C-alpha cells in the first residue's frame, strides 16, 4: 500500500472515531495524537488502535507497539501500521502452520 493511500485511510479512521470536526482535512504527519494535537484521551486512542487493526488487517503487539513513541503522532502511528502490515500476525502464522 502506498504511503499516500495509507495516510488517507488513517485519516478516514480518525474521522470515523473522533469526528470530522477534530480532524483537519490536511492533517500533517507531525500532529500529536494526544495533547497539543488531536487531543485524544486514552479511551479514544484505544478506539483508534482497534479501528486501525480492523481497517488495515493487522494486529498490534501491545508490549512492543503500544508503548513508547509508537502512538505519539499521526506519522508514528502510520509507521507502526506499515511495520505491522509487513509482519505476519501470530494468527496468520498459526493458520499457515495448521495447513
C-alpha atoms as a PDB file:
ATOM      1  CA  UNK A   1       0.000   0.000   0.000  1.00  0.00           C
ATOM      2  CA  UNK A   2       1.402   3.384  -0.927  1.00  0.00           C
ATOM      3  CA  UNK A   3       2.156   5.864   1.833  1.00  0.00           C
ATOM      4  CA  UNK A   4      -0.393   8.369   0.490  1.00  0.00           C
ATOM      5  CA  UNK A   5      -3.167   5.789   0.336  1.00  0.00           C
ATOM      6  CA  UNK A   6      -2.313   4.579   3.820  1.00  0.00           C
ATOM      7  CA  UNK A   7      -2.443   8.143   5.213  1.00  0.00           C
ATOM      8  CA  UNK A   8      -5.804   8.674   3.505  1.00  0.00           C
ATOM      9  CA  UNK A   9      -7.139   5.507   5.127  1.00  0.00           C
ATOM     10  CA  UNK A  10      -5.686   6.539   8.501  1.00  0.00           C
ATOM     11  CA  UNK A  11      -7.322   9.958   8.134  1.00  0.00           C
ATOM     12  CA  UNK A  12     -10.645   8.225   7.454  1.00  0.00           C
ATOM     13  CA  UNK A  13     -10.215   6.070  10.575  1.00  0.00           C
ATOM     14  CA  UNK A  14      -9.509   9.133  12.703  1.00  0.00           C
ATOM     15  CA  UNK A  15     -12.572  10.920  11.321  1.00  0.00           C
ATOM     16  CA  UNK A  16     -14.753   7.868  11.982  1.00  0.00           C
ATOM     17  CA  UNK A  17     -13.541   7.504  15.559  1.00  0.00           C
ATOM     18  CA  UNK A  18     -13.263  11.084  16.813  1.00  0.00           C
ATOM     19  CA  UNK A  19     -15.295  13.071  14.321  1.00  0.00           C
ATOM     20  CA  UNK A  20     -14.707  15.283  11.330  1.00  0.00           C
ATOM     21  CA  UNK A  21     -14.643  18.483  13.374  1.00  0.00           C
ATOM     22  CA  UNK A  22     -11.495  17.394  15.242  1.00  0.00           C
ATOM     23  CA  UNK A  23      -9.513  16.050  12.279  1.00  0.00           C
ATOM     24  CA  UNK A  24      -8.276  18.603   9.742  1.00  0.00           C
ATOM     25  CA  UNK A  25      -8.554  17.633   6.060  1.00  0.00           C
ATOM     26  CA  UNK A  26      -4.883  18.457   5.527  1.00  0.00           C
ATOM     27  CA  UNK A  27      -3.609  16.671   8.632  1.00  0.00           C
ATOM     28  CA  UNK A  28       0.164  16.666   8.952  1.00  0.00           C
ATOM     29  CA  UNK A  29       2.105  13.575   9.984  1.00  0.00           C
ATOM     30  CA  UNK A  30       3.743  15.560  12.806  1.00  0.00           C
ATOM     31  CA  UNK A  31       0.414  16.275  14.544  1.00  0.00           C
ATOM     32  CA  UNK A  32       0.414  14.705  18.016  1.00  0.00           C
ATOM     33  CA  UNK A  33      -2.394  12.248  18.668  1.00  0.00           C
ATOM     34  CA  UNK A  34      -2.869  13.456  22.251  1.00  0.00           C
ATOM     35  CA  UNK A  35      -2.129  16.825  23.850  1.00  0.00           C
ATOM     36  CA  UNK A  36      -1.378  19.824  21.644  1.00  0.00           C
ATOM     37  CA  UNK A  37      -2.703  17.936  18.637  1.00  0.00           C
ATOM     38  CA  UNK A  38      -5.844  15.894  18.114  1.00  0.00           C
ATOM     39  CA  UNK A  39      -6.381  15.737  21.883  1.00  0.00           C
ATOM     40  CA  UNK A  40      -7.155  12.018  22.054  1.00  0.00           C
ATOM     41  CA  UNK A  41      -7.681  10.668  25.535  1.00  0.00           C
ATOM     42  CA  UNK A  42      -6.732   7.081  26.387  1.00  0.00           C
ATOM     43  CA  UNK A  43     -10.160   5.656  25.503  1.00  0.00           C
ATOM     44  CA  UNK A  44     -10.240   7.433  22.131  1.00  0.00           C
ATOM     45  CA  UNK A  45      -6.709   6.260  21.416  1.00  0.00           C
ATOM     46  CA  UNK A  46      -7.760   2.684  22.166  1.00  0.00           C
ATOM     47  CA  UNK A  47     -10.682   3.056  19.753  1.00  0.00           C
ATOM     48  CA  UNK A  48      -8.285   4.363  17.071  1.00  0.00           C
ATOM     49  CA  UNK A  49      -5.942   1.409  17.640  1.00  0.00           C
ATOM     50  CA  UNK A  50      -8.797  -1.102  17.361  1.00  0.00           C
ATOM     51  CA  UNK A  51     -10.187   0.631  14.254  1.00  0.00           C
ATOM     52  CA  UNK A  52      -6.717   0.572  12.654  1.00  0.00           C
ATOM     53  CA  UNK A  53      -6.403  -3.162  13.315  1.00  0.00           C
ATOM     54  CA  UNK A  54      -9.709  -3.714  11.530  1.00  0.00           C
ATOM     55  CA  UNK A  55      -9.109  -1.250   8.687  1.00  0.00           C
ATOM     56  CA  UNK A  56      -5.574  -2.387   7.882  1.00  0.00           C
ATOM     57  CA  UNK A  57      -5.971  -6.091   8.732  1.00  0.00           C
ATOM     58  CA  UNK A  58      -3.187  -6.008  11.299  1.00  0.00           C
ATOM     59  CA  UNK A  59      -2.695  -6.938  14.929  1.00  0.00           C
ATOM     60  CA  UNK A  60      -0.651  -4.715  17.187  1.00  0.00           C
ATOM     61  CA  UNK A  61       1.606  -6.320  19.784  1.00  0.00           C
ATOM     62  CA  UNK A  62       0.838  -4.329  22.944  1.00  0.00           C
ATOM     63  CA  UNK A  63       4.200  -4.918  24.641  1.00  0.00           C
ATOM     64  CA  UNK A  64       6.058  -3.748  21.542  1.00  0.00           C
ATOM     65  CA  UNK A  65       3.779  -1.349  19.712  1.00  0.00           C
ATOM     66  CA  UNK A  66       1.620   0.415  22.245  1.00  0.00           C
ATOM     67  CA  UNK A  67       4.357   1.779  24.476  1.00  0.00           C
ATOM     68  CA  UNK A  68       6.935   4.448  23.834  1.00  0.00           C
ATOM     69  CA  UNK A  69       6.574   6.757  20.854  1.00  0.00           C
ATOM     70  CA  UNK A  70       4.567   4.472  18.541  1.00  0.00           C
ATOM     71  CA  UNK A  71       1.374   6.367  19.286  1.00  0.00           C
ATOM     72  CA  UNK A  72       2.891   9.827  19.603  1.00  0.00           C
ATOM     73  CA  UNK A  73       1.953  11.406  16.257  1.00  0.00           C
ATOM     74  CA  UNK A  74      -0.061  10.617  13.144  1.00  0.00           C
ATOM     75  CA  UNK A  75       3.238   9.780  11.435  1.00  0.00           C
ATOM     76  CA  UNK A  76       4.481   7.396  14.122  1.00  0.00           C
ATOM     77  CA  UNK A  77       1.128   5.595  14.046  1.00  0.00           C
ATOM     78  CA  UNK A  78       1.356   5.361  10.242  1.00  0.00           C
ATOM     79  CA  UNK A  79       4.899   3.927  10.543  1.00  0.00           C
ATOM     80  CA  UNK A  80       3.677   1.407  13.096  1.00  0.00           C
ATOM     81  CA  UNK A  81       0.856   0.339  10.768  1.00  0.00           C
ATOM     82  CA  UNK A  82       3.338  -0.081   7.896  1.00  0.00           C
ATOM     83  CA  UNK A  83       5.613  -2.259  10.046  1.00  0.00           C
ATOM     84  CA  UNK A  84       2.728  -4.416  11.264  1.00  0.00           C
ATOM     85  CA  UNK A  85       1.344  -4.784   7.742  1.00  0.00           C
ATOM     86  CA  UNK A  86       4.730  -6.145   6.653  1.00  0.00           C
ATOM     87  CA  UNK A  87       4.882  -8.589   9.585  1.00  0.00           C
ATOM     88  CA  UNK A  88       2.506 -11.555   9.684  1.00  0.00           C
ATOM     89  CA  UNK A  89       0.455 -11.754  12.873  1.00  0.00           C
ATOM     90  CA  UNK A  90       0.571 -14.748  15.186  1.00  0.00           C
ATOM     91  CA  UNK A  91      -2.905 -15.744  13.992  1.00  0.00           C
ATOM     92  CA  UNK A  92      -1.762 -15.669  10.367  1.00  0.00           C
ATOM     93  CA  UNK A  93       1.297 -17.762  11.191  1.00  0.00           C
ATOM     94  CA  UNK A  94      -0.807 -20.255  13.165  1.00  0.00           C
ATOM     95  CA  UNK A  95      -3.248 -20.659  10.249  1.00  0.00           C
ATOM     96  CA  UNK A  96      -0.370 -21.195   7.831  1.00  0.00           C
ATOM     97  CA  UNK A  97       1.225 -23.812  10.071  1.00  0.00           C
ATOM     98  CA  UNK A  98      -2.035 -25.705  10.586  1.00  0.00           C
ATOM     99  CA  UNK A  99      -2.488 -26.372   6.873  1.00  0.00           C
END
